[in-house]
């Protein structure tokens, strides 16, 4: 399982969240919401410090990660994050 992120969406996160080198963003699972891979759950994100990281990607010194406890949601598929130009925000999909 990997996190794949386009350059455009990375720039969006960096600007929208005022991220700097050394910052870490965790993708986690929450109840409810939209854009779900599993009905009743959705993907959230927050600034956090990695504890038991399963997968991570680093760009310009900024780390995006998923903890071991949240891997069940992805069913061993990669998390792909692209920028949706029409909506002006990130869009999440899965890939094998």
C-alpha atoms as a PDB file:
ATOM      1  CA  UNK A   1       0.000   0.000   0.000  1.00  0.00           C
ATOM      2  CA  UNK A   2       1.303   3.433  -0.992  1.00  0.00           C
ATOM      3  CA  UNK A   3       0.193   7.052  -0.954  1.00  0.00           C
ATOM      4  CA  UNK A   4       0.356   8.552  -4.444  1.00  0.00           C
ATOM      5  CA  UNK A   5      -0.096  12.305  -4.633  1.00  0.00           C
ATOM      6  CA  UNK A   6      -0.008  14.600  -7.654  1.00  0.00           C
ATOM      7  CA  UNK A   7       2.143  17.724  -7.564  1.00  0.00           C
ATOM      8  CA  UNK A   8      -0.980  19.903  -7.881  1.00  0.00           C
ATOM      9  CA  UNK A   9      -2.664  18.392  -4.841  1.00  0.00           C
ATOM     10  CA  UNK A  10       0.554  18.605  -2.832  1.00  0.00           C
ATOM     11  CA  UNK A  11       0.752  22.324  -3.606  1.00  0.00           C
ATOM     12  CA  UNK A  12      -2.911  22.714  -2.627  1.00  0.00           C
ATOM     13  CA  UNK A  13      -2.316  21.070   0.774  1.00  0.00           C
ATOM     14  CA  UNK A  14       0.848  23.089   1.307  1.00  0.00           C
ATOM     15  CA  UNK A  15      -0.949  26.395   0.672  1.00  0.00           C
ATOM     16  CA  UNK A  16      -4.347  25.611   2.258  1.00  0.00           C
ATOM     17  CA  UNK A  17      -2.837  24.225   5.465  1.00  0.00           C
ATOM     18  CA  UNK A  18       0.168  26.594   5.547  1.00  0.00           C
ATOM     19  CA  UNK A  19       2.490  23.592   5.745  1.00  0.00           C
ATOM     20  CA  UNK A  20       6.206  23.968   6.343  1.00  0.00           C
ATOM     21  CA  UNK A  21       9.157  21.609   6.282  1.00  0.00           C
ATOM     22  CA  UNK A  22       8.861  19.194   9.198  1.00  0.00           C
ATOM     23  CA  UNK A  23       5.040  19.186   9.281  1.00  0.00           C
ATOM     24  CA  UNK A  24       3.197  15.855   9.153  1.00  0.00           C
ATOM     25  CA  UNK A  25      -0.324  15.162   7.882  1.00  0.00           C
ATOM     26  CA  UNK A  26      -2.128  12.001   8.908  1.00  0.00           C
ATOM     27  CA  UNK A  27      -4.890  10.474   6.793  1.00  0.00           C
ATOM     28  CA  UNK A  28      -7.258   8.656   9.147  1.00  0.00           C
ATOM     29  CA  UNK A  29     -10.618   6.908   9.051  1.00  0.00           C
ATOM     30  CA  UNK A  30     -13.745   8.521  10.471  1.00  0.00           C
ATOM     31  CA  UNK A  31     -17.432   7.641  10.677  1.00  0.00           C
ATOM     32  CA  UNK A  32     -19.734   9.220   8.088  1.00  0.00           C
ATOM     33  CA  UNK A  33     -18.846  11.709   5.385  1.00  0.00           C
ATOM     34  CA  UNK A  34     -18.564  11.488   1.617  1.00  0.00           C
ATOM     35  CA  UNK A  35     -16.048  10.038  -0.838  1.00  0.00           C
ATOM     36  CA  UNK A  36     -16.011   6.730   0.966  1.00  0.00           C
ATOM     37  CA  UNK A  37     -14.345   3.517  -0.101  1.00  0.00           C
ATOM     38  CA  UNK A  38     -16.442   1.682   2.520  1.00  0.00           C
ATOM     39  CA  UNK A  39     -20.028   2.745   3.198  1.00  0.00           C
ATOM     40  CA  UNK A  40     -20.412   4.599   6.489  1.00  0.00           C
ATOM     41  CA  UNK A  41     -16.784   5.742   6.709  1.00  0.00           C
ATOM     42  CA  UNK A  42     -14.679   8.442   5.085  1.00  0.00           C
ATOM     43  CA  UNK A  43     -11.131   9.713   5.000  1.00  0.00           C
ATOM     44  CA  UNK A  44     -10.126  12.548   7.309  1.00  0.00           C
ATOM     45  CA  UNK A  45      -6.826  14.361   7.742  1.00  0.00           C
ATOM     46  CA  UNK A  46      -5.076  16.299  10.462  1.00  0.00           C
ATOM     47  CA  UNK A  47      -1.659  17.553  11.495  1.00  0.00           C
ATOM     48  CA  UNK A  48      -0.227  14.845  13.711  1.00  0.00           C
ATOM     49  CA  UNK A  49       2.983  13.123  14.745  1.00  0.00           C
ATOM     50  CA  UNK A  50       3.573   9.633  13.301  1.00  0.00           C
ATOM     51  CA  UNK A  51       3.398   6.851  15.903  1.00  0.00           C
ATOM     52  CA  UNK A  52       2.958   3.462  14.207  1.00  0.00           C
ATOM     53  CA  UNK A  53       3.162   4.404  10.555  1.00  0.00           C
ATOM     54  CA  UNK A  54       2.228   1.871   7.911  1.00  0.00           C
ATOM     55  CA  UNK A  55       2.951   4.020   4.863  1.00  0.00           C
ATOM     56  CA  UNK A  56       4.205   7.518   4.200  1.00  0.00           C
ATOM     57  CA  UNK A  57       5.264   9.851   1.438  1.00  0.00           C
ATOM     58  CA  UNK A  58       7.489  12.898   1.873  1.00  0.00           C
ATOM     59  CA  UNK A  59       7.581  15.953  -0.373  1.00  0.00           C
ATOM     60  CA  UNK A  60       9.660  19.065   0.337  1.00  0.00           C
ATOM     61  CA  UNK A  61      10.174  17.892   3.925  1.00  0.00           C
ATOM     62  CA  UNK A  62       6.416  17.482   4.555  1.00  0.00           C
ATOM     63  CA  UNK A  63       5.255  13.979   5.491  1.00  0.00           C
ATOM     64  CA  UNK A  64       1.845  12.516   4.641  1.00  0.00           C
ATOM     65  CA  UNK A  65       1.146   9.204   6.399  1.00  0.00           C
ATOM     66  CA  UNK A  66      -1.314   6.474   7.354  1.00  0.00           C
ATOM     67  CA  UNK A  67      -1.079   4.661  10.691  1.00  0.00           C
ATOM     68  CA  UNK A  68      -1.204   0.872  11.010  1.00  0.00           C
ATOM     69  CA  UNK A  69      -4.610   1.088  12.719  1.00  0.00           C
ATOM     70  CA  UNK A  70      -6.233   2.612   9.613  1.00  0.00           C
ATOM     71  CA  UNK A  71      -4.965   0.239   6.923  1.00  0.00           C
ATOM     72  CA  UNK A  72      -8.133  -1.942   6.992  1.00  0.00           C
ATOM     73  CA  UNK A  73      -9.989   0.855   5.190  1.00  0.00           C
ATOM     74  CA  UNK A  74      -7.760   0.632   2.118  1.00  0.00           C
ATOM     75  CA  UNK A  75      -7.984  -3.150   1.555  1.00  0.00           C
ATOM     76  CA  UNK A  76      -4.297  -3.312   0.514  1.00  0.00           C
ATOM     77  CA  UNK A  77      -4.876  -0.765  -2.285  1.00  0.00           C
ATOM     78  CA  UNK A  78      -2.925   2.435  -2.852  1.00  0.00           C
ATOM     79  CA  UNK A  79      -4.412   5.776  -1.859  1.00  0.00           C
ATOM     80  CA  UNK A  80      -4.305   8.038  -4.918  1.00  0.00           C
ATOM     81  CA  UNK A  81      -4.882  11.758  -4.377  1.00  0.00           C
ATOM     82  CA  UNK A  82      -5.354  14.012  -7.402  1.00  0.00           C
ATOM     83  CA  UNK A  83      -6.545  17.580  -7.707  1.00  0.00           C
ATOM     84  CA  UNK A  84     -10.093  17.986  -9.052  1.00  0.00           C
ATOM     85  CA  UNK A  85      -9.970  21.192 -11.110  1.00  0.00           C
ATOM     86  CA  UNK A  86     -13.784  21.480 -11.294  1.00  0.00           C
ATOM     87  CA  UNK A  87     -14.230  21.314  -7.523  1.00  0.00           C
ATOM     88  CA  UNK A  88     -10.945  23.029  -6.658  1.00  0.00           C
ATOM     89  CA  UNK A  89     -10.036  20.396  -4.078  1.00  0.00           C
ATOM     90  CA  UNK A  90      -8.361  16.995  -3.608  1.00  0.00           C
ATOM     91  CA  UNK A  91     -10.058  13.854  -4.890  1.00  0.00           C
ATOM     92  CA  UNK A  92      -9.376  10.408  -3.419  1.00  0.00           C
ATOM     93  CA  UNK A  93      -9.362   7.143  -5.327  1.00  0.00           C
ATOM     94  CA  UNK A  94      -7.845   3.714  -4.858  1.00  0.00           C
ATOM     95  CA  UNK A  95      -5.550   1.766  -7.175  1.00  0.00           C
ATOM     96  CA  UNK A  96      -4.113  -1.724  -7.157  1.00  0.00           C
END
